């Protein structure tokens, strides 16, 4: 099929293509600047757009783009900016999407016909961030061939086609929209894949998620950390964090390990679902450190907030394969790394109230543990209890 016939076929099937995207099971956030915002109208012109689109943003002014990204990009129309926009969009999608949704973030930035002479090429960059990474497509248009409206329409349709591919819909390449002498390239974004995906893949050991959704791979180590699975996060966790913050006079960060000693690792959608619970509330450290010894290596000098049941496991040789020497070595290494533990009163599965006083802490390590008085906090509910009540 020649390109003209293929384009006619695309035009004829355009509404059905968008309807298929709506039914793909994906949830997307779009951010578009510089041109191509007509893609939003294209998506919403076909009924069912709310099944796909969570949010669409047009941070057009430089200040708006800076606020959206959390930093000032060196250049608005660049591959790097499109990729950052896509990844930021996907972070926002995690806030709004239901648990288990397949998330997409799209970022598009363009430099098109203006009311003043434009230096450089007329071009656009479109990035789509998904669980598997970030794909970026770049288009260079022939200068002076189209007016602004025609360039806008072309970029808008290219945005829709890139998003369709992210949705798993079989569509032609955006190259079909171009003339033979115009340029189109596509491929994975080099060295800019999603930090959460890199953490799960093992190329990062730690990612910090800030309350506003920004992700960082080299943030300063927090002073106080409350670790857990947070499946789900509940009021007991939040109250314990507030009490610990009052005792230590430092902000408390939450921590979730994507790996587990005796369970499969969390997948990307599950990590993002749990992370979304903290949006606007608290900082979260995502790690590959399932044990407190590994956490202390990754987060030296931290005070860990734990329940008495966890404190008991920390000093029980049976949790070290029955090896007293191994337990002692682990506790000593944690002490050497400046770790300490703030211990909350906890009711165990049998309903017995346990406190630090009930834990047989070896005398040489007593200084590692500090009790939170029961008058200030007692934890009677667990995430497991809440999940059981929801099921039953």
Protein backbone atom coordinates (compact mmCIF):
# COMPACT_ATOMS: atom_id res chain seq x y z
CA UNK A 1 0.00 0.00 0.00
CA UNK A 2 1.41 3.42 -0.96
CA UNK A 3 1.62 6.20 1.60
CA UNK A 4 -1.37 8.10 0.19
CA UNK A 5 -3.59 5.03 0.45
CA UNK A 6 -2.31 4.27 3.94
CA UNK A 7 -3.09 7.82 5.02
CA UNK A 8 -6.62 7.59 3.60
CA UNK A 9 -7.13 4.35 5.49
CA UNK A 10 -5.86 5.96 8.68
CA UNK A 11 -8.29 8.85 8.24
CA UNK A 12 -11.21 6.48 7.68
CA UNK A 13 -10.40 4.41 10.76
CA UNK A 14 -9.47 7.37 13.00
CA UNK A 15 -12.58 7.35 15.25
CA UNK A 16 -12.35 3.57 15.68
CA UNK A 17 -8.64 3.84 16.51
CA UNK A 18 -9.39 6.29 19.30
CA UNK A 19 -12.30 4.16 20.55
CA UNK A 20 -9.90 1.20 20.74
CA UNK A 21 -7.49 3.34 22.77
CA UNK A 22 -10.30 4.23 25.17
CA UNK A 23 -10.99 0.53 25.68
CA UNK A 24 -7.34 -0.53 26.04
CA UNK A 25 -7.37 -0.57 29.85
CA UNK A 26 -4.68 2.12 30.02
CA UNK A 27 -4.91 5.23 32.17
CA UNK A 28 -3.00 8.24 30.86
CA UNK A 29 -1.91 11.73 31.78
CA UNK A 30 -0.85 14.02 28.91
CA UNK A 31 1.33 17.13 29.09
CA UNK A 32 1.77 19.10 25.87
CA UNK A 33 3.61 22.36 25.27
CA UNK A 34 4.54 24.41 22.22
CA UNK A 35 2.08 22.73 19.88
CA UNK A 36 -0.08 19.68 19.38
CA UNK A 37 -2.64 20.34 22.11
CA UNK A 38 -5.35 19.50 19.60
CA UNK A 39 -4.62 15.87 20.47
CA UNK A 40 -6.68 16.37 23.62
CA UNK A 41 -9.74 17.36 21.60
CA UNK A 42 -9.15 14.46 19.20
CA UNK A 43 -9.25 12.01 22.11
CA UNK A 44 -12.34 13.55 23.70
CA UNK A 45 -14.26 13.91 20.45
CA UNK A 46 -14.83 10.14 20.53
CA UNK A 47 -17.10 8.94 23.39
CA UNK A 48 -15.43 7.05 26.24
CA UNK A 49 -12.45 9.34 26.78
CA UNK A 50 -12.73 9.14 30.56
CA UNK A 51 -11.77 5.47 30.42
CA UNK A 52 -8.35 6.48 29.10
CA UNK A 53 -7.63 10.07 30.02
CA UNK A 54 -7.03 10.98 33.66
CA UNK A 55 -5.70 14.47 33.06
CA UNK A 56 -4.45 16.66 30.22
CA UNK A 57 -2.18 19.63 30.86
CA UNK A 58 -0.83 22.38 28.62
CA UNK A 59 2.00 24.06 30.59
CA UNK A 60 2.59 26.61 27.82
CA UNK A 61 4.35 29.44 29.62
CA UNK A 62 7.96 28.78 30.65
CA UNK A 63 7.05 29.29 34.31
CA UNK A 64 4.18 26.82 34.06
CA UNK A 65 6.47 24.23 32.46
CA UNK A 66 9.07 24.75 35.20
CA UNK A 67 6.43 24.30 37.89
CA UNK A 68 5.10 21.15 36.23
CA UNK A 69 8.54 19.54 35.90
CA UNK A 70 9.91 20.73 39.23
CA UNK A 71 12.96 22.22 37.51
CA UNK A 72 13.72 24.69 34.72
CA UNK A 73 14.58 22.79 31.54
CA UNK A 74 17.61 24.10 29.63
CA UNK A 75 15.52 24.02 26.45
CA UNK A 76 11.74 23.72 26.14
CA UNK A 77 11.72 21.85 22.83
CA UNK A 78 14.11 18.94 23.32
CA UNK A 79 14.11 15.18 23.72
CA UNK A 80 15.16 15.57 27.35
CA UNK A 81 12.24 17.87 28.14
CA UNK A 82 9.72 15.60 26.40
CA UNK A 83 11.01 12.61 28.36
CA UNK A 84 10.90 14.51 31.66
CA UNK A 85 7.33 15.61 30.88
CA UNK A 86 6.30 12.02 30.10
CA UNK A 87 7.78 10.67 33.29
CA UNK A 88 6.25 13.45 35.36
CA UNK A 89 2.90 12.72 33.70
CA UNK A 90 3.16 9.06 34.60
CA UNK A 91 3.89 9.99 38.21
CA UNK A 92 0.70 12.05 38.20
CA UNK A 93 -1.22 9.14 36.68
CA UNK A 94 -0.22 7.04 39.69
CA UNK A 95 -2.04 9.52 41.95
CA UNK A 96 -5.36 9.26 40.14
CA UNK A 97 -5.57 5.77 38.66
CA UNK A 98 -7.27 2.83 40.37
CA UNK A 99 -5.13 0.04 41.82
CA UNK A 100 -3.60 -2.20 39.19
CA UNK A 101 -4.20 0.16 36.26
CA UNK A 102 -1.72 0.19 33.39
CA UNK A 103 -0.30 3.71 33.52
CA UNK A 104 0.97 5.91 30.70
CA UNK A 105 2.51 9.35 30.80
CA UNK A 106 2.88 11.34 27.59
CA UNK A 107 5.01 14.44 27.16
CA UNK A 108 5.09 16.42 23.92
CA UNK A 109 7.02 19.59 23.16
CA UNK A 110 7.07 21.41 19.84
CA UNK A 111 8.59 24.41 18.09
CA UNK A 112 6.28 25.39 15.22
CA UNK A 113 5.30 28.38 13.06
CA UNK A 114 5.07 31.57 15.14
CA UNK A 115 4.20 35.22 14.51
CA UNK A 116 7.91 36.02 14.42
CA UNK A 117 10.83 34.45 12.52
CA UNK A 118 11.86 31.14 14.14
CA UNK A 119 15.51 30.26 14.44
CA UNK A 120 16.20 26.59 13.83
CA UNK A 121 14.01 23.74 12.66
CA UNK A 122 10.28 23.26 13.04
CA UNK A 123 10.15 20.12 15.12
CA UNK A 124 8.47 18.17 17.89
CA UNK A 125 9.43 15.48 20.38
CA UNK A 126 6.84 13.08 21.80
CA UNK A 127 7.70 10.73 24.68
CA UNK A 128 5.52 8.00 26.19
CA UNK A 129 6.48 6.56 29.59
CA UNK A 130 5.14 3.13 30.52
CA UNK A 131 6.06 0.22 32.78
CA UNK A 132 8.69 -0.96 30.32
CA UNK A 133 10.46 2.39 29.94
CA UNK A 134 10.17 5.54 27.88
CA UNK A 135 9.92 5.70 24.09
CA UNK A 136 10.58 9.00 22.35
CA UNK A 137 9.72 10.02 18.78
CA UNK A 138 11.10 13.11 17.04
CA UNK A 139 9.79 14.84 13.92
CA UNK A 140 11.49 17.55 11.85
CA UNK A 141 9.15 19.38 9.48
CA UNK A 142 10.02 21.19 6.28
CA UNK A 143 10.21 24.86 7.20
CA UNK A 144 7.69 27.08 5.44
CA UNK A 145 5.67 24.25 3.91
CA UNK A 146 2.66 24.48 6.23
CA UNK A 147 0.95 27.25 8.14
CA UNK A 148 0.54 27.10 11.90
CA UNK A 149 -2.82 25.38 11.77
CA UNK A 150 -1.50 22.61 9.52
CA UNK A 151 1.58 22.05 11.70
CA UNK A 152 -0.63 21.97 14.81
CA UNK A 153 -2.90 19.39 13.22
CA UNK A 154 0.02 17.20 12.16
CA UNK A 155 1.64 17.25 15.61
CA UNK A 156 -1.71 16.58 17.31
CA UNK A 157 -2.24 13.50 15.16
CA UNK A 158 1.34 12.34 15.81
CA UNK A 159 0.68 12.65 19.55
CA UNK A 160 -2.43 10.49 19.23
CA UNK A 161 -0.54 7.86 17.22
CA UNK A 162 2.29 7.72 19.77
CA UNK A 163 -0.22 7.36 22.59
CA UNK A 164 -2.05 4.66 20.62
CA UNK A 165 1.16 2.67 20.37
CA UNK A 166 1.60 3.05 24.13
CA UNK A 167 -1.92 1.66 24.52
CA UNK A 168 -0.96 -1.40 22.49
CA UNK A 169 -3.13 -0.39 19.53
CA UNK A 170 -1.85 -1.43 16.09
CA UNK A 171 -1.47 1.86 14.23
CA UNK A 172 0.91 3.17 11.55
CA UNK A 173 4.01 5.09 12.51
CA UNK A 174 3.59 8.89 12.75
CA UNK A 175 5.99 8.95 9.81
CA UNK A 176 2.93 8.37 7.61
CA UNK A 177 1.94 12.00 8.27
CA UNK A 178 5.17 13.39 6.77
CA UNK A 179 6.45 14.17 3.31
CA UNK A 180 9.35 12.14 1.97
CA UNK A 181 11.94 14.81 2.73
CA UNK A 182 10.88 15.25 6.37
CA UNK A 183 12.54 13.36 9.20
CA UNK A 184 11.13 10.96 11.79
CA UNK A 185 13.09 8.99 14.40
CA UNK A 186 11.94 6.85 17.30
CA UNK A 187 13.44 4.64 19.98
CA UNK A 188 13.98 4.19 23.71
CA UNK A 189 15.06 7.28 25.64
CA UNK A 190 18.74 6.68 26.35
CA UNK A 191 19.61 6.74 30.03
CA UNK A 192 16.34 8.35 31.04
CA UNK A 193 14.09 5.42 31.90
CA UNK A 194 11.64 5.73 34.75
CA UNK A 195 13.38 5.64 38.19
CA UNK A 196 10.81 3.22 39.62
CA UNK A 197 11.29 0.85 36.69
CA UNK A 198 15.06 1.11 37.12
CA UNK A 199 14.69 0.33 40.83
CA UNK A 200 12.62 -2.76 40.10
CA UNK A 201 15.09 -3.82 37.40
CA UNK A 202 17.95 -3.50 39.89
CA UNK A 203 19.88 -0.63 38.30
CA UNK A 204 19.00 1.61 41.27
CA UNK A 205 18.95 0.69 44.96
CA UNK A 206 16.90 3.63 46.19
CA UNK A 207 14.39 6.14 44.83
CA UNK A 208 12.89 9.01 46.82
CA UNK A 209 9.29 9.99 46.08
CA UNK A 210 8.43 13.47 47.32
CA UNK A 211 4.88 14.37 48.40
CA UNK A 212 4.32 16.34 45.17
CA UNK A 213 5.14 13.27 43.04
CA UNK A 214 8.71 14.17 42.06
CA UNK A 215 11.16 11.27 42.00
CA UNK A 216 14.87 11.47 42.84
CA UNK A 217 17.63 8.87 42.88
CA UNK A 218 20.15 10.73 45.05
CA UNK A 219 18.19 12.66 47.68
CA UNK A 220 19.71 13.25 51.14
CA UNK A 221 19.11 10.41 53.60
CA UNK A 222 16.17 11.15 55.92
CA UNK A 223 16.67 11.20 59.68
CA UNK A 224 13.70 9.06 60.72
CA UNK A 225 12.09 6.25 58.71
CA UNK A 226 8.92 4.20 59.18
CA UNK A 227 9.26 1.06 57.06
CA UNK A 228 6.45 -1.21 55.97
CA UNK A 229 4.44 -2.65 53.11
CA UNK A 230 1.62 -0.09 53.57
CA UNK A 231 -0.88 -2.37 51.88
CA UNK A 232 -2.87 -0.36 52.73
CA UNK A 233 -1.61 2.76 54.45
CA UNK A 234 -3.88 3.42 57.47
CA UNK A 235 -4.38 6.00 60.20
CA UNK A 236 -2.24 4.01 62.63
CA UNK A 237 0.78 4.46 60.36
CA UNK A 238 0.15 8.19 60.02
CA UNK A 239 -0.36 8.66 63.77
CA UNK A 240 2.80 6.69 64.57
CA UNK A 241 4.74 8.87 62.14
CA UNK A 242 3.43 12.04 63.82
CA UNK A 243 4.35 10.72 67.28
CA UNK A 244 7.85 9.73 66.13
CA UNK A 245 8.28 13.14 64.51
CA UNK A 246 7.39 14.79 67.81
CA UNK A 247 9.85 12.64 69.74
CA UNK A 248 12.76 13.02 67.33
CA UNK A 249 11.89 16.55 66.17
CA UNK A 250 12.58 15.51 62.60
CA UNK A 251 10.29 14.75 59.64
CA UNK A 252 9.49 11.07 59.20
CA UNK A 253 9.85 9.41 55.80
CA UNK A 254 8.08 6.17 54.97
CA UNK A 255 9.97 3.29 53.33
CA UNK A 256 8.79 0.48 51.07
CA UNK A 257 11.10 -2.26 49.82
CA UNK A 258 10.21 -3.50 46.35
CA UNK A 259 11.95 -6.78 47.19
CA UNK A 260 10.97 -9.19 49.96
CA UNK A 261 12.81 -11.97 51.74
CA UNK A 262 10.10 -14.59 51.18
CA UNK A 263 7.76 -13.09 48.56
CA UNK A 264 8.09 -12.15 44.88
CA UNK A 265 9.21 -8.56 44.19
CA UNK A 266 6.52 -5.93 43.70
CA UNK A 267 5.74 -5.01 40.11
CA UNK A 268 5.70 -1.45 38.85
CA UNK A 269 1.93 -0.97 38.98
CA UNK A 270 1.75 -2.24 42.56
CA UNK A 271 4.60 0.05 43.66
CA UNK A 272 2.89 3.04 42.07
CA UNK A 273 -0.45 2.09 43.61
CA UNK A 274 1.05 2.01 47.10
CA UNK A 275 3.00 5.17 46.43
CA UNK A 276 -0.16 7.00 45.37
CA UNK A 277 -1.48 6.67 48.94
CA UNK A 278 1.20 9.10 50.10
CA UNK A 279 0.55 11.79 47.48
CA UNK A 280 0.50 15.17 49.19
CA UNK A 281 1.14 13.52 52.56
CA UNK A 282 4.69 12.34 53.04
CA UNK A 283 8.06 11.49 51.57
CA UNK A 284 8.61 7.84 50.68
CA UNK A 285 11.87 5.97 50.23
CA UNK A 286 11.56 3.11 47.74
CA UNK A 287 14.39 0.62 48.19
CA UNK A 288 15.68 -2.83 47.40
CA UNK A 289 16.41 -3.45 51.09
CA UNK A 290 14.02 -6.01 52.62
CA UNK A 291 15.90 -6.40 55.94
CA UNK A 292 16.84 -3.75 58.47
CA UNK A 293 20.50 -4.64 58.06
CA UNK A 294 20.23 -3.85 54.35
CA UNK A 295 18.20 -0.71 55.11
CA UNK A 296 20.94 0.48 57.49
CA UNK A 297 23.53 0.06 54.72
CA UNK A 298 21.42 2.06 52.31
CA UNK A 299 20.22 4.65 54.86
CA UNK A 300 23.03 5.09 57.40
CA UNK A 301 22.40 7.07 60.57
CA UNK A 302 18.63 6.62 60.45
CA UNK A 303 16.25 6.10 63.36
CA UNK A 304 13.84 3.36 62.31
CA UNK A 305 10.34 3.44 63.79
CA UNK A 306 9.14 -0.12 64.50
CA UNK A 307 6.58 -2.04 66.50
CA UNK A 308 7.61 -4.21 69.44
CA UNK A 309 7.02 -7.34 67.33
CA UNK A 310 9.60 -6.15 64.80
CA UNK A 311 12.05 -5.24 67.57
CA UNK A 312 11.66 -8.77 68.90
CA UNK A 313 12.59 -10.23 65.52
CA UNK A 314 15.66 -8.00 65.35
CA UNK A 315 17.13 -9.56 68.51
CA UNK A 316 15.90 -13.17 68.18
CA UNK A 317 18.55 -15.63 66.93
CA UNK A 318 15.87 -17.77 65.26
CA UNK A 319 15.47 -15.01 62.66
CA UNK A 320 19.18 -15.38 61.88
CA UNK A 321 19.04 -19.12 61.25
CA UNK A 322 19.49 -19.82 64.96
CA UNK A 323 22.99 -18.29 64.82
CA UNK A 324 23.73 -16.01 67.80
CA UNK A 325 26.99 -14.82 66.27
CA UNK A 326 25.24 -13.80 63.06
CA UNK A 327 22.65 -11.84 65.04
CA UNK A 328 25.38 -10.09 67.03
CA UNK A 329 27.29 -9.19 63.87
CA UNK A 330 24.15 -7.73 62.30
CA UNK A 331 23.28 -5.64 65.36
CA UNK A 332 26.88 -4.44 65.65
CA UNK A 333 26.97 -3.42 61.99
CA UNK A 334 23.73 -1.49 62.40
CA UNK A 335 25.15 0.21 65.49
CA UNK A 336 28.35 1.08 63.61
CA UNK A 337 26.27 2.66 60.85
CA UNK A 338 24.52 4.89 63.35
CA UNK A 339 21.17 3.12 63.21
CA UNK A 340 18.72 3.21 66.10
CA UNK A 341 15.16 2.05 66.74
CA UNK A 342 12.15 3.83 68.17
CA UNK A 343 9.83 1.08 69.43
CA UNK A 344 6.03 1.39 69.63
CA UNK A 345 3.71 -0.71 71.80
CA UNK A 346 1.99 -3.30 69.62
CA UNK A 347 -0.83 -5.79 70.08
CA UNK A 348 0.22 -9.08 68.48
CA UNK A 349 -1.97 -11.48 66.49
CA UNK A 350 -3.11 -13.17 69.72
CA UNK A 351 -4.19 -9.84 71.20
CA UNK A 352 -1.28 -9.65 73.64
CA UNK A 353 0.13 -6.18 74.17
CA UNK A 354 3.88 -6.12 73.59
CA UNK A 355 6.28 -3.30 74.39
CA UNK A 356 10.04 -2.85 74.35
CA UNK A 357 10.07 -4.04 77.97
CA UNK A 358 8.96 -7.48 76.71
CA UNK A 359 11.82 -7.74 74.22
CA UNK A 360 15.01 -9.54 75.28
CA UNK A 361 17.48 -6.98 73.96
CA UNK A 362 21.12 -8.01 74.57
CA UNK A 363 22.54 -5.52 77.12
CA UNK A 364 25.37 -4.43 74.82
CA UNK A 365 22.80 -3.21 72.27
CA UNK A 366 20.30 -1.66 74.66
CA UNK A 367 21.31 1.83 73.52
CA UNK A 368 20.01 1.07 70.03
CA UNK A 369 16.40 0.88 71.23
CA UNK A 370 14.14 3.58 72.70
CA UNK A 371 10.55 2.99 73.77
CA UNK A 372 7.58 5.09 72.70
CA UNK A 373 5.37 5.30 75.82
CA UNK A 374 2.00 3.56 75.49
CA UNK A 375 0.38 6.80 76.63
CA UNK A 376 1.61 8.37 73.39
CA UNK A 377 0.96 5.55 70.97
CA UNK A 378 -0.29 1.96 70.77
CA UNK A 379 -0.87 0.11 67.51
CA UNK A 380 -3.77 -2.35 67.52
CA UNK A 381 -4.52 -2.56 63.79
CA UNK A 382 -2.33 -3.86 61.01
CA UNK A 383 -2.57 -3.68 57.25
CA UNK A 384 -3.22 -7.44 57.31
CA UNK A 385 -6.20 -6.94 59.63
CA UNK A 386 -7.61 -4.25 57.35
CA UNK A 387 -7.19 -6.44 54.25
CA UNK A 388 -8.92 -9.32 56.06
CA UNK A 389 -11.86 -7.11 57.06
CA UNK A 390 -12.16 -5.87 53.47
CA UNK A 391 -12.29 -9.44 52.18
CA UNK A 392 -14.76 -10.64 54.76
